[in-house]
Amino acid sequence: MPIWEGRISPVLDVAGRFLVVQIKNGHETNRREILVGETNPTFLVKGIKEMGTEILLCGALSEPVAFLLAKNGVRVWPHLCGEAEAVLRAFLADTLGQVEFRMPGCCLGHCFCHRNRYRRRNNLRRDLMKNR
């Protein structure tokens, strides 16, 4: 997860420090902090993948970075906020879906973020086309 001052970094695209946690059987087995000096989307995603990342917990991210992460097999849990340790505990306890970890303006299932607006717009368009 990208971190800044002990919290989830608000914007992945410009994050300079990552907390990499290895998990086995639901328990932390190792952790390290990695400094990343790259903000170019291609190199940022390459660095994230080289860290061995399978799941990325993060705040906001751009569509190009989200696309590249998905293309590289990294599952992303976006729009998170809060203390990094609390987010990690919630992830391990499978309670990360609580509203306290969601970025302001983003709520579970009814998020008004760009990605869900796009999805809703396409669903509406599909539904309208069916009725023609």
Protein backbone atom coordinates (compact mmCIF):
# COMPACT_ATOMS: atom_id res chain seq x y z
CA MET A 1 0.00 0.00 0.00
CA PRO A 2 1.27 3.51 -0.73
CA ILE A 3 1.85 5.37 2.51
CA TRP A 4 2.38 8.97 3.53
CA GLU A 5 2.96 10.03 7.14
CA GLY A 6 1.62 6.72 8.47
CA ARG A 7 -1.56 6.86 6.43
CA ILE A 8 -2.70 5.50 3.09
CA SER A 9 -1.35 7.94 0.51
CA PRO A 10 -4.30 9.91 -0.92
CA VAL A 11 -3.13 9.55 -4.55
CA LEU A 12 -1.33 6.43 -5.77
CA ASP A 13 0.03 8.09 -8.91
CA VAL A 14 2.41 10.32 -6.93
CA ALA A 15 3.17 8.03 -3.99
CA GLY A 16 6.84 7.83 -3.09
CA ARG A 17 6.77 5.24 -0.31
CA PHE A 18 5.12 1.83 -0.14
CA LEU A 19 4.48 -0.56 2.71
CA VAL A 20 4.85 -4.09 1.37
CA VAL A 21 3.40 -6.76 3.62
CA GLN A 22 3.66 -10.48 3.00
CA ILE A 23 0.67 -12.44 4.26
CA LYS A 24 0.34 -16.17 4.68
CA ASN A 25 -2.75 -17.91 6.05
CA GLY A 26 -4.22 -14.57 7.09
CA HIS A 27 -1.19 -13.51 9.11
CA GLU A 28 1.60 -11.06 8.41
CA THR A 29 4.90 -12.86 7.84
CA ASN A 30 7.12 -9.99 6.70
CA ARG A 31 7.02 -6.28 5.98
CA ARG A 32 9.24 -3.66 4.45
CA GLU A 33 9.03 -0.08 3.24
CA ILE A 34 10.15 0.70 -0.28
CA LEU A 35 10.90 4.14 -1.68
CA VAL A 36 9.81 4.72 -5.27
CA GLY A 37 10.99 7.76 -7.15
CA GLU A 38 8.93 7.21 -10.28
CA THR A 39 5.60 8.83 -11.17
CA ASN A 40 5.44 7.83 -14.84
CA PRO A 41 2.47 5.40 -14.89
CA THR A 42 4.31 2.66 -16.80
CA PHE A 43 7.36 2.70 -14.53
CA LEU A 44 5.27 3.11 -11.38
CA VAL A 45 3.24 0.00 -12.21
CA LYS A 46 6.40 -1.88 -13.18
CA GLY A 47 7.87 -1.03 -9.77
CA ILE A 48 4.68 -2.11 -7.98
CA LYS A 49 4.70 -5.41 -9.86
CA GLU A 50 8.41 -5.95 -9.11
CA MET A 51 7.61 -5.60 -5.39
CA GLY A 52 5.66 -8.85 -5.77
CA THR A 53 2.32 -7.11 -5.34
CA GLU A 54 -0.77 -9.24 -5.81
CA ILE A 55 -3.25 -6.97 -3.98
CA LEU A 56 -2.84 -3.21 -3.75
CA LEU A 57 -4.71 -1.25 -1.11
CA CYS A 58 -4.71 2.42 -2.11
CA GLY A 59 -6.46 5.77 -2.24
CA ALA A 60 -7.33 7.50 -5.50
CA LEU A 61 -5.66 6.48 -8.74
CA SER A 62 -5.85 7.55 -12.36
CA GLU A 63 -7.47 5.42 -15.04
CA PRO A 64 -4.17 4.80 -16.86
CA VAL A 65 -2.59 3.44 -13.67
CA ALA A 66 -5.70 1.36 -12.86
CA PHE A 67 -5.66 -0.08 -16.40
CA LEU A 68 -1.94 -0.94 -16.24
CA LEU A 69 -2.29 -2.56 -12.82
CA ALA A 70 -5.18 -4.72 -14.04
CA LYS A 71 -3.24 -5.62 -17.19
CA ASN A 72 -0.33 -6.74 -14.97
CA GLY A 73 -2.53 -8.91 -12.76
CA VAL A 74 -2.53 -6.65 -9.68
CA ARG A 75 -5.90 -6.61 -7.92
CA VAL A 76 -6.67 -3.13 -6.62
CA TRP A 77 -8.81 -2.12 -3.65
CA PRO A 78 -9.06 1.64 -4.34
CA HIS A 79 -10.53 4.69 -2.60
CA LEU A 80 -9.22 3.79 0.85
CA CYS A 81 -8.10 6.20 3.53
CA GLY A 82 -6.94 6.06 7.12
CA GLU A 83 -4.00 4.98 9.23
CA ALA A 84 -1.99 2.34 7.37
CA GLU A 85 -1.91 -0.02 10.36
CA ALA A 86 -5.68 0.22 10.85
CA VAL A 87 -6.27 -0.43 7.14
CA LEU A 88 -3.96 -3.44 7.26
CA ARG A 89 -5.73 -4.83 10.35
CA ALA A 90 -9.10 -4.36 8.67
CA PHE A 91 -7.85 -6.09 5.53
CA LEU A 92 -6.61 -9.07 7.55
CA ALA A 93 -9.91 -9.21 9.49
CA ASP A 94 -11.94 -8.89 6.27
CA THR A 95 -13.60 -5.70 7.54
CA LEU A 96 -12.05 -3.28 5.06
CA GLY A 97 -15.49 -2.54 3.61
CA GLN A 98 -16.42 -0.35 6.59
CA VAL A 99 -17.24 3.23 5.73
CA GLU A 100 -14.48 4.59 7.98
CA PHE A 101 -11.90 3.35 5.44
CA ARG A 102 -13.58 4.87 2.38
CA MET A 103 -12.35 8.15 0.91
CA PRO A 104 -14.75 11.06 1.39
CA GLY A 105 -17.44 11.04 -1.29
CA CYS A 106 -17.12 7.30 -1.89
CA CYS A 107 -19.52 4.85 -0.32
CA LEU A 108 -19.89 1.10 -0.70
CA GLY A 109 -22.02 -0.11 -3.54
CA HIS A 110 -23.13 3.39 -4.50
CA CYS A 111 -19.80 5.08 -5.12
CA PHE A 112 -19.89 8.28 -7.10
CA CYS A 113 -16.33 7.87 -8.33
CA HIS A 114 -15.59 8.14 -12.03
CA ARG A 115 -15.37 4.40 -12.64
CA ASN A 116 -18.83 3.70 -11.22
CA ARG A 117 -20.37 6.72 -12.98
CA TYR A 118 -19.05 5.25 -16.22
CA ARG A 119 -20.44 1.80 -15.37
CA ARG A 120 -23.85 3.25 -14.43
CA ARG A 121 -23.92 5.34 -17.62
CA ASN A 122 -23.20 2.24 -19.74
CA ASN A 123 -25.86 0.21 -17.90
CA LEU A 124 -28.39 2.98 -18.45
CA ARG A 125 -27.42 3.18 -22.11
CA ARG A 126 -27.74 -0.62 -22.47
CA ASP A 127 -31.16 -0.57 -20.77
CA LEU A 128 -32.35 2.24 -23.03
CA MET A 129 -31.20 0.35 -26.13
CA LYS A 130 -33.17 -2.75 -25.03
CA ASN A 131 -36.38 -0.73 -24.91
CA ARG A 132 -36.07 0.48 -28.51
